[in-house]
């Protein structure tokens, strides 16, 4: 039984090895690092700067609320021996409420930042995908894989289209501005 299984496996391997060269000869694969491309296009840099400004504002508000909470806790610790039991419980309740509010605000800010990032990057990524479609069709690629999503560990640099996508994106944007937004603005002015 074991010998028969080995013979079948060997036969299957021979068949695959006979078919594989013609299959690979017809297949042309490339990769692209969309995250790097997003970070290196002019529109991507502007989106990242906007997100950083929003993050700093939100972080400043969180830091202020956290500092207020810290002072509240210190006050409770200092006065716990002189406050009545009811007053101490009331203060602790107030502290807990403020703590939960801070956590809720933090979660809301995280959600807001994620939504804003998706909103700012969606159009950029759609344009990159269109550029990749055109490159794929023009250069005869069978498959273009996202380097970070496809489990790509290594690829020769001649099969990495990231630099080409960045260059075309910035060129088509006319100096870095969003070409879709700019052309629609021009047509509205006329």
C-alpha atoms as a PDB file:
ATOM      1  CA  UNK A   1       0.000   0.000   0.000  1.00  0.00           C
ATOM      2  CA  UNK A   2       2.779   2.404   0.926  1.00  0.00           C
ATOM      3  CA  UNK A   3       4.685   1.634  -2.292  1.00  0.00           C
ATOM      4  CA  UNK A   4       1.566   2.291  -4.353  1.00  0.00           C
ATOM      5  CA  UNK A   5       1.008   5.650  -2.597  1.00  0.00           C
ATOM      6  CA  UNK A   6       4.640   6.639  -3.314  1.00  0.00           C
ATOM      7  CA  UNK A   7       4.223   5.676  -6.968  1.00  0.00           C
ATOM      8  CA  UNK A   8       1.081   7.813  -7.287  1.00  0.00           C
ATOM      9  CA  UNK A   9       2.825  10.749  -5.584  1.00  0.00           C
ATOM     10  CA  UNK A  10       5.830  10.387  -7.905  1.00  0.00           C
ATOM     11  CA  UNK A  11       3.561  10.249 -10.964  1.00  0.00           C
ATOM     12  CA  UNK A  12       1.669  13.363  -9.797  1.00  0.00           C
ATOM     13  CA  UNK A  13       4.968  15.193  -9.219  1.00  0.00           C
ATOM     14  CA  UNK A  14       6.157  14.255 -12.720  1.00  0.00           C
ATOM     15  CA  UNK A  15       2.913  15.503 -14.262  1.00  0.00           C
ATOM     16  CA  UNK A  16       3.083  18.791 -12.346  1.00  0.00           C
ATOM     17  CA  UNK A  17       6.739  19.305 -13.280  1.00  0.00           C
ATOM     18  CA  UNK A  18       5.910  18.716 -16.945  1.00  0.00           C
ATOM     19  CA  UNK A  19       3.047  21.255 -16.904  1.00  0.00           C
ATOM     20  CA  UNK A  20       4.680  23.853 -14.629  1.00  0.00           C
ATOM     21  CA  UNK A  21       7.217  25.335 -17.105  1.00  0.00           C
ATOM     22  CA  UNK A  22       4.473  26.250 -19.592  1.00  0.00           C
ATOM     23  CA  UNK A  23       2.285  27.588 -16.782  1.00  0.00           C
ATOM     24  CA  UNK A  24       5.068  29.793 -15.407  1.00  0.00           C
ATOM     25  CA  UNK A  25       6.060  30.952 -18.875  1.00  0.00           C
ATOM     26  CA  UNK A  26       2.594  32.471 -19.275  1.00  0.00           C
ATOM     27  CA  UNK A  27       2.377  33.969 -15.781  1.00  0.00           C
ATOM     28  CA  UNK A  28       3.807  37.396 -14.957  1.00  0.00           C
ATOM     29  CA  UNK A  29       3.513  38.483 -11.329  1.00  0.00           C
ATOM     30  CA  UNK A  30       4.485  41.739  -9.598  1.00  0.00           C
ATOM     31  CA  UNK A  31       4.069  43.222  -6.137  1.00  0.00           C
ATOM     32  CA  UNK A  32       3.286  46.678  -4.794  1.00  0.00           C
ATOM     33  CA  UNK A  33       3.576  48.094  -1.286  1.00  0.00           C
ATOM     34  CA  UNK A  34       0.451  50.251  -1.158  1.00  0.00           C
ATOM     35  CA  UNK A  35       1.172  51.461   2.376  1.00  0.00           C
ATOM     36  CA  UNK A  36       4.589  52.790   1.335  1.00  0.00           C
ATOM     37  CA  UNK A  37       3.092  54.289  -1.809  1.00  0.00           C
ATOM     38  CA  UNK A  38       0.396  55.963   0.265  1.00  0.00           C
ATOM     39  CA  UNK A  39       3.008  57.429   2.606  1.00  0.00           C
ATOM     40  CA  UNK A  40       5.212  58.682  -0.229  1.00  0.00           C
ATOM     41  CA  UNK A  41       2.707  60.337  -2.573  1.00  0.00           C
ATOM     42  CA  UNK A  42       2.055  64.053  -2.110  1.00  0.00           C
ATOM     43  CA  UNK A  43      -1.648  63.452  -1.409  1.00  0.00           C
ATOM     44  CA  UNK A  44      -0.729  60.715   1.072  1.00  0.00           C
ATOM     45  CA  UNK A  45       1.701  62.997   2.902  1.00  0.00           C
ATOM     46  CA  UNK A  46      -0.952  65.705   3.145  1.00  0.00           C
ATOM     47  CA  UNK A  47      -3.507  63.205   4.472  1.00  0.00           C
ATOM     48  CA  UNK A  48      -0.984  61.943   7.027  1.00  0.00           C
ATOM     49  CA  UNK A  49      -0.268  65.541   8.158  1.00  0.00           C
ATOM     50  CA  UNK A  50      -4.000  66.209   8.601  1.00  0.00           C
ATOM     51  CA  UNK A  51      -4.359  63.035  10.654  1.00  0.00           C
ATOM     52  CA  UNK A  52      -1.383  64.025  12.822  1.00  0.00           C
ATOM     53  CA  UNK A  53      -2.921  67.442  13.521  1.00  0.00           C
ATOM     54  CA  UNK A  54      -6.236  65.835  14.461  1.00  0.00           C
ATOM     55  CA  UNK A  55      -4.438  63.268  16.627  1.00  0.00           C
ATOM     56  CA  UNK A  56      -2.491  66.002  18.461  1.00  0.00           C
ATOM     57  CA  UNK A  57      -5.706  67.931  19.191  1.00  0.00           C
ATOM     58  CA  UNK A  58      -7.432  64.827  20.483  1.00  0.00           C
ATOM     59  CA  UNK A  59      -4.388  63.782  22.495  1.00  0.00           C
ATOM     60  CA  UNK A  60      -4.212  67.237  24.091  1.00  0.00           C
ATOM     61  CA  UNK A  61      -7.865  66.950  25.164  1.00  0.00           C
ATOM     62  CA  UNK A  62      -7.270  63.441  26.535  1.00  0.00           C
ATOM     63  CA  UNK A  63      -4.169  64.578  28.425  1.00  0.00           C
ATOM     64  CA  UNK A  64      -6.108  67.445  30.027  1.00  0.00           C
ATOM     65  CA  UNK A  65      -8.937  65.109  31.066  1.00  0.00           C
ATOM     66  CA  UNK A  66      -6.435  62.587  32.406  1.00  0.00           C
ATOM     67  CA  UNK A  67      -4.664  65.287  34.426  1.00  0.00           C
ATOM     68  CA  UNK A  68      -8.002  66.405  35.884  1.00  0.00           C
ATOM     69  CA  UNK A  69      -8.759  62.799  36.800  1.00  0.00           C
ATOM     70  CA  UNK A  70      -5.349  62.424  38.449  1.00  0.00           C
ATOM     71  CA  UNK A  71      -5.918  65.545  40.562  1.00  0.00           C
ATOM     72  CA  UNK A  72      -9.361  64.300  41.521  1.00  0.00           C
ATOM     73  CA  UNK A  73      -7.859  61.008  42.723  1.00  0.00           C
ATOM     74  CA  UNK A  74      -5.114  62.814  44.675  1.00  0.00           C
ATOM     75  CA  UNK A  75      -7.740  65.005  46.367  1.00  0.00           C
ATOM     76  CA  UNK A  76      -9.744  61.940  47.354  1.00  0.00           C
ATOM     77  CA  UNK A  77      -6.617  60.245  48.741  1.00  0.00           C
ATOM     78  CA  UNK A  78      -5.689  63.369  50.744  1.00  0.00           C
ATOM     79  CA  UNK A  79      -9.162  63.874  52.186  1.00  0.00           C
ATOM     80  CA  UNK A  80     -10.321  60.294  52.675  1.00  0.00           C
ATOM     81  CA  UNK A  81      -9.622  60.366  56.435  1.00  0.00           C
ATOM     82  CA  UNK A  82     -11.504  63.641  57.032  1.00  0.00           C
ATOM     83  CA  UNK A  83     -14.499  63.095  54.748  1.00  0.00           C
ATOM     84  CA  UNK A  84     -17.649  61.432  55.980  1.00  0.00           C
ATOM     85  CA  UNK A  85     -18.403  58.022  54.590  1.00  0.00           C
ATOM     86  CA  UNK A  86     -21.210  59.409  52.378  1.00  0.00           C
ATOM     87  CA  UNK A  87     -19.023  62.246  51.089  1.00  0.00           C
ATOM     88  CA  UNK A  88     -16.182  59.823  50.320  1.00  0.00           C
ATOM     89  CA  UNK A  89     -18.537  57.472  48.476  1.00  0.00           C
ATOM     90  CA  UNK A  90     -19.940  60.404  46.532  1.00  0.00           C
ATOM     91  CA  UNK A  91     -16.440  61.553  45.549  1.00  0.00           C
ATOM     92  CA  UNK A  92     -15.428  58.011  44.553  1.00  0.00           C
ATOM     93  CA  UNK A  93     -18.586  57.712  42.467  1.00  0.00           C
ATOM     94  CA  UNK A  94     -17.799  61.022  40.785  1.00  0.00           C
ATOM     95  CA  UNK A  95     -14.252  59.808  40.113  1.00  0.00           C
ATOM     96  CA  UNK A  96     -15.508  56.524  38.618  1.00  0.00           C
ATOM     97  CA  UNK A  97     -17.943  58.407  36.396  1.00  0.00           C
ATOM     98  CA  UNK A  98     -15.170  60.724  35.149  1.00  0.00           C
ATOM     99  CA  UNK A  99     -12.922  57.692  34.558  1.00  0.00           C
ATOM    100  CA  UNK A 100     -15.587  55.930  32.456  1.00  0.00           C
ATOM    101  CA  UNK A 101     -16.203  59.155  30.511  1.00  0.00           C
ATOM    102  CA  UNK A 102     -12.481  59.410  29.760  1.00  0.00           C
ATOM    103  CA  UNK A 103     -12.407  55.815  28.511  1.00  0.00           C
ATOM    104  CA  UNK A 104     -15.480  56.434  26.359  1.00  0.00           C
ATOM    105  CA  UNK A 105     -13.948  59.597  24.925  1.00  0.00           C
ATOM    106  CA  UNK A 106     -10.743  57.705  24.146  1.00  0.00           C
ATOM    107  CA  UNK A 107     -12.668  55.006  22.254  1.00  0.00           C
ATOM    108  CA  UNK A 108     -14.650  57.668  20.368  1.00  0.00           C
ATOM    109  CA  UNK A 109     -11.446  59.474  19.378  1.00  0.00           C
ATOM    110  CA  UNK A 110      -9.905  56.214  18.166  1.00  0.00           C
ATOM    111  CA  UNK A 111     -12.984  55.513  16.051  1.00  0.00           C
ATOM    112  CA  UNK A 112     -13.003  59.070  14.721  1.00  0.00           C
ATOM    113  CA  UNK A 113      -9.328  58.845  13.724  1.00  0.00           C
ATOM    114  CA  UNK A 114      -9.865  55.499  11.993  1.00  0.00           C
ATOM    115  CA  UNK A 115     -12.864  56.864  10.062  1.00  0.00           C
ATOM    116  CA  UNK A 116     -10.971  60.015   9.093  1.00  0.00           C
ATOM    117  CA  UNK A 117      -7.999  57.948   7.910  1.00  0.00           C
ATOM    118  CA  UNK A 118     -10.285  55.742   5.808  1.00  0.00           C
ATOM    119  CA  UNK A 119     -11.998  58.812   4.371  1.00  0.00           C
ATOM    120  CA  UNK A 120      -8.714  60.553   3.508  1.00  0.00           C
ATOM    121  CA  UNK A 121      -7.026  57.494   2.011  1.00  0.00           C
ATOM    122  CA  UNK A 122      -9.943  55.931   0.139  1.00  0.00           C
ATOM    123  CA  UNK A 123      -9.695  58.131  -2.953  1.00  0.00           C
ATOM    124  CA  UNK A 124      -5.893  57.894  -3.004  1.00  0.00           C
ATOM    125  CA  UNK A 125      -6.004  54.086  -2.876  1.00  0.00           C
ATOM    126  CA  UNK A 126      -8.683  53.959  -5.586  1.00  0.00           C
ATOM    127  CA  UNK A 127      -6.473  56.054  -7.868  1.00  0.00           C
ATOM    128  CA  UNK A 128      -3.484  53.808  -7.117  1.00  0.00           C
ATOM    129  CA  UNK A 129      -5.517  50.738  -7.989  1.00  0.00           C
ATOM    130  CA  UNK A 130      -6.512  52.334 -11.293  1.00  0.00           C
ATOM    131  CA  UNK A 131      -2.845  53.104 -12.038  1.00  0.00           C
ATOM    132  CA  UNK A 132      -1.962  49.494 -11.182  1.00  0.00           C
ATOM    133  CA  UNK A 133      -4.707  48.205 -13.496  1.00  0.00           C
ATOM    134  CA  UNK A 134      -3.267  50.268 -16.343  1.00  0.00           C
ATOM    135  CA  UNK A 135       0.280  49.100 -15.591  1.00  0.00           C
ATOM    136  CA  UNK A 136      -0.906  45.494 -15.381  1.00  0.00           C
ATOM    137  CA  UNK A 137      -2.690  45.690 -18.721  1.00  0.00           C
ATOM    138  CA  UNK A 138       0.073  47.611 -20.500  1.00  0.00           C
ATOM    139  CA  UNK A 139       2.903  45.401 -19.259  1.00  0.00           C
ATOM    140  CA  UNK A 140       1.047  42.081 -19.411  1.00  0.00           C
ATOM    141  CA  UNK A 141       0.959  41.164 -15.719  1.00  0.00           C
ATOM    142  CA  UNK A 142      -1.235  38.234 -14.802  1.00  0.00           C
ATOM    143  CA  UNK A 143      -1.297  39.188 -11.132  1.00  0.00           C
ATOM    144  CA  UNK A 144      -0.224  42.127  -8.971  1.00  0.00           C
ATOM    145  CA  UNK A 145      -0.098  41.308  -5.257  1.00  0.00           C
ATOM    146  CA  UNK A 146      -0.120  43.782  -2.353  1.00  0.00           C
ATOM    147  CA  UNK A 147       3.210  43.116  -0.631  1.00  0.00           C
ATOM    148  CA  UNK A 148       1.934  43.528   2.928  1.00  0.00           C
ATOM    149  CA  UNK A 149      -1.290  41.568   2.483  1.00  0.00           C
ATOM    150  CA  UNK A 150      -0.144  38.661   0.346  1.00  0.00           C
ATOM    151  CA  UNK A 151       2.438  37.198   2.695  1.00  0.00           C
ATOM    152  CA  UNK A 152       5.254  38.268   0.369  1.00  0.00           C
ATOM    153  CA  UNK A 153       8.562  37.736   2.131  1.00  0.00           C
ATOM    154  CA  UNK A 154      10.924  38.702  -0.670  1.00  0.00           C
ATOM    155  CA  UNK A 155      10.670  39.769  -4.284  1.00  0.00           C
ATOM    156  CA  UNK A 156      13.292  40.959  -6.770  1.00  0.00           C
ATOM    157  CA  UNK A 157      13.246  44.733  -7.145  1.00  0.00           C
ATOM    158  CA  UNK A 158      12.364  44.514 -10.844  1.00  0.00           C
ATOM    159  CA  UNK A 159       8.992  42.968  -9.865  1.00  0.00           C
ATOM    160  CA  UNK A 160       8.179  45.664  -7.273  1.00  0.00           C
ATOM    161  CA  UNK A 161       5.940  48.321  -8.845  1.00  0.00           C
ATOM    162  CA  UNK A 162       5.768  50.608  -5.791  1.00  0.00           C
ATOM    163  CA  UNK A 163       8.162  53.299  -7.074  1.00  0.00           C
ATOM    164  CA  UNK A 164       6.428  53.302 -10.460  1.00  0.00           C
ATOM    165  CA  UNK A 165       3.004  53.764  -8.826  1.00  0.00           C
ATOM    166  CA  UNK A 166       4.266  56.636  -6.649  1.00  0.00           C
ATOM    167  CA  UNK A 167       5.853  58.363  -9.634  1.00  0.00           C
ATOM    168  CA  UNK A 168       2.779  57.984 -11.860  1.00  0.00           C
ATOM    169  CA  UNK A 169       0.432  59.042  -9.082  1.00  0.00           C
ATOM    170  CA  UNK A 170       2.365  62.238  -8.371  1.00  0.00           C
ATOM    171  CA  UNK A 171       2.812  62.959 -12.097  1.00  0.00           C
ATOM    172  CA  UNK A 172      -0.885  62.464 -12.860  1.00  0.00           C
ATOM    173  CA  UNK A 173      -1.771  64.659  -9.894  1.00  0.00           C
ATOM    174  CA  UNK A 174      -0.038  67.606 -11.542  1.00  0.00           C
ATOM    175  CA  UNK A 175       2.474  68.394  -8.849  1.00  0.00           C
ATOM    176  CA  UNK A 176       0.849  66.507  -6.020  1.00  0.00           C
ATOM    177  CA  UNK A 177      -2.701  67.900  -5.897  1.00  0.00           C
ATOM    178  CA  UNK A 178      -5.547  65.506  -6.330  1.00  0.00           C
ATOM    179  CA  UNK A 179      -6.200  65.495 -10.072  1.00  0.00           C
ATOM    180  CA  UNK A 180      -9.810  64.453  -9.577  1.00  0.00           C
ATOM    181  CA  UNK A 181     -10.437  67.321  -7.174  1.00  0.00           C
ATOM    182  CA  UNK A 182      -8.462  69.842  -9.220  1.00  0.00           C
ATOM    183  CA  UNK A 183     -10.147  69.039 -12.526  1.00  0.00           C
ATOM    184  CA  UNK A 184     -13.604  69.229 -11.005  1.00  0.00           C
ATOM    185  CA  UNK A 185     -12.722  72.562  -9.384  1.00  0.00           C
ATOM    186  CA  UNK A 186     -11.457  73.923 -12.721  1.00  0.00           C
ATOM    187  CA  UNK A 187     -14.633  72.868 -14.517  1.00  0.00           C
ATOM    188  CA  UNK A 188     -16.807  74.513 -11.852  1.00  0.00           C
ATOM    189  CA  UNK A 189     -14.966  77.818 -12.228  1.00  0.00           C
ATOM    190  CA  UNK A 190     -15.645  78.000 -15.971  1.00  0.00           C
END
